[in-house]
């Protein structure tokens, strides 16, 4: 019996579920799972997850809105940890994206909550936006053994700074890079021509060529072609709809990203201080626009989640 594309992909790449929906995790059996405020909001709006909201309100109402919000994230994370054998990514409030100290403090609170429930910090990734302040927070957290997933990553500058900071994992947003270029040029990019695919391949090659330990996890896919063009990447986090498409096909999957290709790439090593980072990042209008938009969108969804909690509090 020939393997479907999802099972083939799992031979080369760690598959991660990009969802807050437990049922789809049970179907596709990913190694890890990632959530974000938008996915949690989506799940929280479904009747089958309402009990988690009510539980969070009951358990944390004395601590106010922020405590309840954190408890919702933890309760979702705890449910996910029952399903996946690997790690869950839990996101720091996007409104802290430009505050290093507050990001570190929030990460400590989240990790402490998981540890109180008996989960080792090795199974948790703290998700932080790839701003300079976020990267510096992650650098400090990694030194304490708190592992981080740097999200909303759109540029080579962000990737280099993350590697130099020694973060555990980065999540370059393939589909959102594609969205921006399609809007700018009107062109329909496919496979290897996809700007999001090109960006992740470049980052992967750079990391492997220079021996960085930071894992690369392609994220935010718009179509199956983007995923297959990045087979061989350390990890890929994939939505349930695209996991279903991969499972439904038996076409061959071959790795596109390899250590050999990385070693032969023409990358030269660079090092970035804060002013270098800010200048290089600013030179990439797509990255500036998409990072800012992502932070705004995640922040807006946290506000919607808070509204949902306020209604529950009556």
Protein backbone atom coordinates (compact mmCIF):
# COMPACT_ATOMS: atom_id res chain seq x y z
CA UNK A 1 0.00 0.00 0.00
CA UNK A 2 1.47 3.35 -0.98
CA UNK A 3 1.74 6.07 1.64
CA UNK A 4 -0.32 9.24 1.40
CA UNK A 5 1.52 12.57 1.11
CA UNK A 6 1.10 13.39 4.80
CA UNK A 7 2.77 10.14 5.87
CA UNK A 8 5.50 10.63 3.27
CA UNK A 9 6.09 14.21 4.47
CA UNK A 10 6.44 12.95 8.06
CA UNK A 11 9.48 10.90 6.93
CA UNK A 12 11.42 14.10 6.12
CA UNK A 13 9.82 16.80 8.27
CA UNK A 14 8.22 17.06 11.70
CA UNK A 15 4.55 17.83 11.06
CA UNK A 16 2.86 20.25 13.46
CA UNK A 17 -0.87 21.05 13.64
CA UNK A 18 -1.70 24.75 13.31
CA UNK A 19 -5.05 24.79 15.09
CA UNK A 20 -6.86 25.16 18.38
CA UNK A 21 -9.22 22.33 17.40
CA UNK A 22 -8.48 19.13 19.32
CA UNK A 23 -10.49 16.82 17.10
CA UNK A 24 -8.41 17.57 14.00
CA UNK A 25 -5.23 16.92 16.02
CA UNK A 26 -6.57 13.46 16.87
CA UNK A 27 -7.23 12.75 13.18
CA UNK A 28 -3.88 13.89 11.72
CA UNK A 29 -1.59 12.82 14.60
CA UNK A 30 0.97 15.65 14.44
CA UNK A 31 4.12 15.62 16.60
CA UNK A 32 3.57 19.14 17.99
CA UNK A 33 0.83 21.76 17.91
CA UNK A 34 0.83 25.54 17.66
CA UNK A 35 -1.93 27.99 18.52
CA UNK A 36 -2.25 31.75 18.32
CA UNK A 37 -4.83 34.26 19.61
CA UNK A 38 -6.85 34.04 16.39
CA UNK A 39 -7.01 30.22 16.51
CA UNK A 40 -7.93 30.22 20.22
CA UNK A 41 -10.65 32.83 19.54
CA UNK A 42 -11.97 30.68 16.69
CA UNK A 43 -12.09 27.58 18.90
CA UNK A 44 -13.48 29.48 21.89
CA UNK A 45 -16.46 30.52 19.78
CA UNK A 46 -17.48 26.88 19.24
CA UNK A 47 -19.98 25.28 21.64
CA UNK A 48 -17.73 22.23 22.24
CA UNK A 49 -15.02 24.43 23.79
CA UNK A 50 -17.26 26.67 25.87
CA UNK A 51 -16.62 24.54 28.96
CA UNK A 52 -12.93 25.57 28.85
CA UNK A 53 -13.89 29.25 28.88
CA UNK A 54 -16.27 28.66 31.78
CA UNK A 55 -13.60 26.66 33.63
CA UNK A 56 -11.06 29.47 33.14
CA UNK A 57 -13.53 32.05 34.45
CA UNK A 58 -14.33 29.92 37.51
CA UNK A 59 -10.69 29.19 38.30
CA UNK A 60 -9.16 32.61 37.67
CA UNK A 61 -11.88 35.23 38.10
CA UNK A 62 -10.34 36.56 41.32
CA UNK A 63 -7.24 37.54 39.31
CA UNK A 64 -9.22 39.61 36.81
CA UNK A 65 -9.34 39.60 33.03
CA UNK A 66 -5.61 39.00 32.43
CA UNK A 67 -5.55 35.98 34.75
CA UNK A 68 -8.61 34.47 33.03
CA UNK A 69 -7.08 35.03 29.59
CA UNK A 70 -3.86 33.28 30.66
CA UNK A 71 -5.88 30.43 32.14
CA UNK A 72 -7.72 29.93 28.82
CA UNK A 73 -4.37 29.64 27.00
CA UNK A 74 -3.11 27.14 29.60
CA UNK A 75 -6.32 25.04 29.53
CA UNK A 76 -6.13 24.80 25.73
CA UNK A 77 -2.44 23.92 26.02
CA UNK A 78 -3.13 21.21 28.61
CA UNK A 79 -5.75 19.59 26.37
CA UNK A 80 -3.33 19.69 23.41
CA UNK A 81 -0.55 18.08 25.50
CA UNK A 82 -2.87 15.09 26.08
CA UNK A 83 -3.11 14.60 22.30
CA UNK A 84 0.32 15.38 20.84
CA UNK A 85 3.46 13.52 21.93
CA UNK A 86 5.68 16.59 21.48
CA UNK A 87 5.44 20.30 22.24
CA UNK A 88 2.74 22.92 22.38
CA UNK A 89 3.39 26.58 21.52
CA UNK A 90 1.58 29.10 23.74
CA UNK A 91 1.65 32.74 22.71
CA UNK A 92 2.53 35.76 24.83
CA UNK A 93 -0.02 38.61 24.55
CA UNK A 94 0.81 40.39 21.26
CA UNK A 95 0.30 43.74 22.99
CA UNK A 96 3.64 43.08 24.79
CA UNK A 97 5.55 42.76 21.49
CA UNK A 98 7.65 45.89 22.11
CA UNK A 99 8.32 45.31 25.81
CA UNK A 100 11.19 42.95 26.61
CA UNK A 101 10.72 42.92 30.40
CA UNK A 102 6.95 42.39 30.22
CA UNK A 103 7.40 39.56 27.69
CA UNK A 104 9.88 37.81 29.99
CA UNK A 105 7.53 38.24 32.97
CA UNK A 106 4.57 36.81 31.04
CA UNK A 107 6.66 33.85 29.80
CA UNK A 108 7.61 33.09 33.44
CA UNK A 109 3.91 33.12 34.41
CA UNK A 110 2.92 30.77 31.57
CA UNK A 111 5.76 28.32 32.25
CA UNK A 112 5.00 28.34 35.99
CA UNK A 113 1.34 27.52 35.23
CA UNK A 114 2.33 24.54 33.05
CA UNK A 115 4.87 23.31 35.61
CA UNK A 116 2.22 23.55 38.35
CA UNK A 117 0.12 21.17 36.22
CA UNK A 118 3.03 18.72 36.09
CA UNK A 119 4.36 19.48 32.59
CA UNK A 120 8.07 19.88 31.94
CA UNK A 121 9.15 23.13 30.28
CA UNK A 122 10.74 20.99 27.55
CA UNK A 123 7.22 20.38 26.17
CA UNK A 124 6.32 24.07 26.02
CA UNK A 125 7.40 26.68 23.49
CA UNK A 126 6.66 30.29 24.42
CA UNK A 127 5.55 32.08 21.27
CA UNK A 128 6.83 35.65 20.88
CA UNK A 129 6.64 38.10 17.96
CA UNK A 130 9.97 38.58 16.11
CA UNK A 131 10.48 42.23 17.05
CA UNK A 132 13.90 43.26 18.36
CA UNK A 133 12.37 43.44 21.86
CA UNK A 134 10.81 39.98 21.45
CA UNK A 135 14.08 38.46 20.23
CA UNK A 136 15.96 39.94 23.21
CA UNK A 137 13.30 38.54 25.58
CA UNK A 138 13.70 35.11 23.98
CA UNK A 139 17.48 35.31 24.29
CA UNK A 140 17.14 35.84 28.06
CA UNK A 141 14.49 33.12 28.42
CA UNK A 142 16.54 30.54 26.52
CA UNK A 143 19.39 31.06 29.00
CA UNK A 144 16.95 29.96 31.74
CA UNK A 145 15.93 26.85 29.81
CA UNK A 146 12.60 28.34 28.68
CA UNK A 147 12.33 27.55 24.98
CA UNK A 148 10.81 30.01 22.53
CA UNK A 149 9.05 29.97 19.18
CA UNK A 150 9.63 33.31 17.41
CA UNK A 151 6.56 33.99 15.32
CA UNK A 152 5.48 36.67 12.81
CA UNK A 153 8.82 36.26 11.09
CA UNK A 154 9.04 37.63 7.54
CA UNK A 155 12.61 38.66 6.90
CA UNK A 156 16.17 37.40 6.77
CA UNK A 157 17.15 40.04 9.35
CA UNK A 158 14.67 38.61 11.86
CA UNK A 159 15.93 35.07 11.18
CA UNK A 160 19.60 36.01 11.64
CA UNK A 161 18.88 37.87 14.91
CA UNK A 162 16.91 34.87 16.22
CA UNK A 163 19.76 32.45 15.41
CA UNK A 164 22.30 34.72 17.09
CA UNK A 165 20.02 34.94 20.14
CA UNK A 166 19.99 31.14 20.36
CA UNK A 167 16.22 30.75 20.18
CA UNK A 168 14.82 27.23 19.93
CA UNK A 169 12.59 27.70 16.91
CA UNK A 170 11.38 30.26 14.36
CA UNK A 171 8.11 30.34 12.42
CA UNK A 172 8.57 32.11 9.06
CA UNK A 173 5.11 32.95 7.62
CA UNK A 174 5.20 31.53 4.10
CA UNK A 175 1.64 32.32 3.04
CA UNK A 176 1.58 35.88 4.31
CA UNK A 177 4.78 36.62 2.36
CA UNK A 178 3.05 35.22 -0.74
CA UNK A 179 -0.07 37.34 -0.03
CA UNK A 180 1.99 40.55 0.02
CA UNK A 181 3.85 39.81 -3.22
CA UNK A 182 0.67 38.76 -5.04
CA UNK A 183 -0.98 42.00 -3.98
CA UNK A 184 2.05 44.06 -5.05
CA UNK A 185 2.67 42.37 -8.43
CA UNK A 186 -0.64 40.73 -9.34
CA UNK A 187 1.37 37.61 -10.20
CA UNK A 188 0.28 34.08 -9.28
CA UNK A 189 3.41 32.40 -7.89
CA UNK A 190 3.69 28.60 -7.82
CA UNK A 191 6.01 26.11 -6.08
CA UNK A 192 9.67 27.08 -6.14
CA UNK A 193 8.85 30.62 -7.43
CA UNK A 194 6.74 31.36 -4.35
CA UNK A 195 8.44 34.24 -2.44
CA UNK A 196 7.47 32.65 0.90
CA UNK A 197 9.07 29.34 -0.13
CA UNK A 198 12.21 31.17 -1.35
CA UNK A 199 12.46 33.04 1.98
CA UNK A 200 12.24 29.88 4.11
CA UNK A 201 14.65 27.97 1.88
CA UNK A 202 17.19 30.80 2.21
CA UNK A 203 16.85 30.88 6.01
CA UNK A 204 17.09 27.08 6.25
CA UNK A 205 20.23 27.04 4.09
CA UNK A 206 21.83 29.81 6.15
CA UNK A 207 21.11 28.07 9.47
CA UNK A 208 22.40 24.69 8.28
CA UNK A 209 25.45 26.10 6.51
CA UNK A 210 26.64 27.89 9.65
CA UNK A 211 25.57 25.23 12.14
CA UNK A 212 22.87 27.17 14.01
CA UNK A 213 20.76 24.95 16.27
CA UNK A 214 17.61 27.07 15.85
CA UNK A 215 14.84 24.99 14.24
CA UNK A 216 13.02 26.33 11.18
CA UNK A 217 9.26 25.76 11.12
CA UNK A 218 7.48 27.00 7.99
CA UNK A 219 4.02 28.39 8.89
CA UNK A 220 0.89 30.04 7.44
CA UNK A 221 0.53 28.06 4.23
CA UNK A 222 -1.90 29.06 1.49
CA UNK A 223 -1.74 25.86 -0.58
CA UNK A 224 -0.36 22.33 -0.62
CA UNK A 225 2.30 23.29 -3.20
CA UNK A 226 4.05 25.56 -0.68
CA UNK A 227 4.24 22.69 1.82
CA UNK A 228 5.61 20.18 -0.68
CA UNK A 229 8.19 22.73 -1.90
CA UNK A 230 9.52 22.85 1.70
CA UNK A 231 9.63 19.09 2.37
CA UNK A 232 12.79 18.45 4.38
CA UNK A 233 12.41 21.62 6.48
CA UNK A 234 12.89 20.92 10.22
CA UNK A 235 9.19 21.38 10.92
CA UNK A 236 6.08 22.60 9.09
CA UNK A 237 2.98 23.76 10.95
CA UNK A 238 -0.10 23.06 8.83
CA UNK A 239 -3.81 23.87 9.14
CA UNK A 240 -6.37 21.01 9.28
CA UNK A 241 -7.68 21.75 5.76
CA UNK A 242 -4.24 21.34 4.19
CA UNK A 243 -3.43 18.31 6.36
CA UNK A 244 -6.59 16.78 4.87
CA UNK A 245 -5.45 17.55 1.32
CA UNK A 246 -2.07 15.91 1.96
CA UNK A 247 -3.74 12.86 3.47
CA UNK A 248 -6.04 12.52 0.47
CA UNK A 249 -3.19 12.34 -2.10
CA UNK A 250 -0.70 9.56 -2.81
CA UNK A 251 1.56 11.48 -5.19
CA UNK A 252 5.26 11.16 -4.39
CA UNK A 253 6.93 13.56 -1.95
CA UNK A 254 10.67 14.19 -2.21
CA UNK A 255 12.72 16.42 0.11
CA UNK A 256 13.46 19.84 -1.38
CA UNK A 257 15.55 21.14 1.53
CA UNK A 258 18.74 19.22 2.30
CA UNK A 259 21.93 19.73 4.30
CA UNK A 260 23.93 19.25 1.07
CA UNK A 261 22.11 22.08 -0.69
CA UNK A 262 22.57 24.27 2.39
CA UNK A 263 26.33 23.61 2.53
CA UNK A 264 26.65 24.55 -1.15
CA UNK A 265 24.61 27.77 -0.82
CA UNK A 266 26.38 31.10 -1.40
CA UNK A 267 25.40 32.60 1.97
CA UNK A 268 27.99 34.61 3.85
CA UNK A 269 27.76 34.88 7.61
CA UNK A 270 26.51 38.18 9.01
CA UNK A 271 26.11 39.51 12.54
CA UNK A 272 23.54 42.09 13.61
CA UNK A 273 23.52 44.55 16.48
CA UNK A 274 20.32 46.48 17.20
CA UNK A 275 20.91 49.32 14.73
CA UNK A 276 22.00 46.87 11.98
CA UNK A 277 18.86 44.80 12.63
CA UNK A 278 16.52 47.77 12.56
CA UNK A 279 18.04 49.14 9.36
CA UNK A 280 18.05 45.77 7.53
CA UNK A 281 14.49 45.05 8.68
CA UNK A 282 13.37 48.50 7.59
CA UNK A 283 14.85 47.86 4.12
CA UNK A 284 12.23 45.11 3.64
CA UNK A 285 8.82 46.81 3.23
CA UNK A 286 7.00 43.47 3.10
CA UNK A 287 8.44 42.40 6.46
CA UNK A 288 7.74 45.77 8.11
CA UNK A 289 4.14 45.77 6.88
CA UNK A 290 3.35 42.11 7.62
CA UNK A 291 4.96 42.10 11.09
CA UNK A 292 3.03 45.23 12.09
CA UNK A 293 -0.20 43.89 10.62
CA UNK A 294 0.24 40.53 12.39
CA UNK A 295 0.77 42.17 15.78
CA UNK A 296 -2.29 44.39 15.24
CA UNK A 297 -4.46 41.43 14.17
CA UNK A 298 -3.40 39.19 17.08
CA UNK A 299 -3.91 42.10 19.51
CA UNK A 300 -7.40 42.73 18.11
CA UNK A 301 -8.31 39.05 18.56
CA UNK A 302 -7.12 39.14 22.18
CA UNK A 303 -9.46 42.10 22.74
CA UNK A 304 -12.32 40.05 21.20
CA UNK A 305 -11.46 37.15 23.50
CA UNK A 306 -11.51 39.52 26.48
CA UNK A 307 -14.96 40.69 25.36
CA UNK A 308 -16.14 37.07 25.28
CA UNK A 309 -14.81 36.59 28.83
CA UNK A 310 -16.48 39.81 30.01
CA UNK A 311 -19.81 38.54 28.65
CA UNK A 312 -19.32 35.24 30.51
CA UNK A 313 -18.57 37.18 33.70
CA UNK A 314 -21.93 38.89 33.16
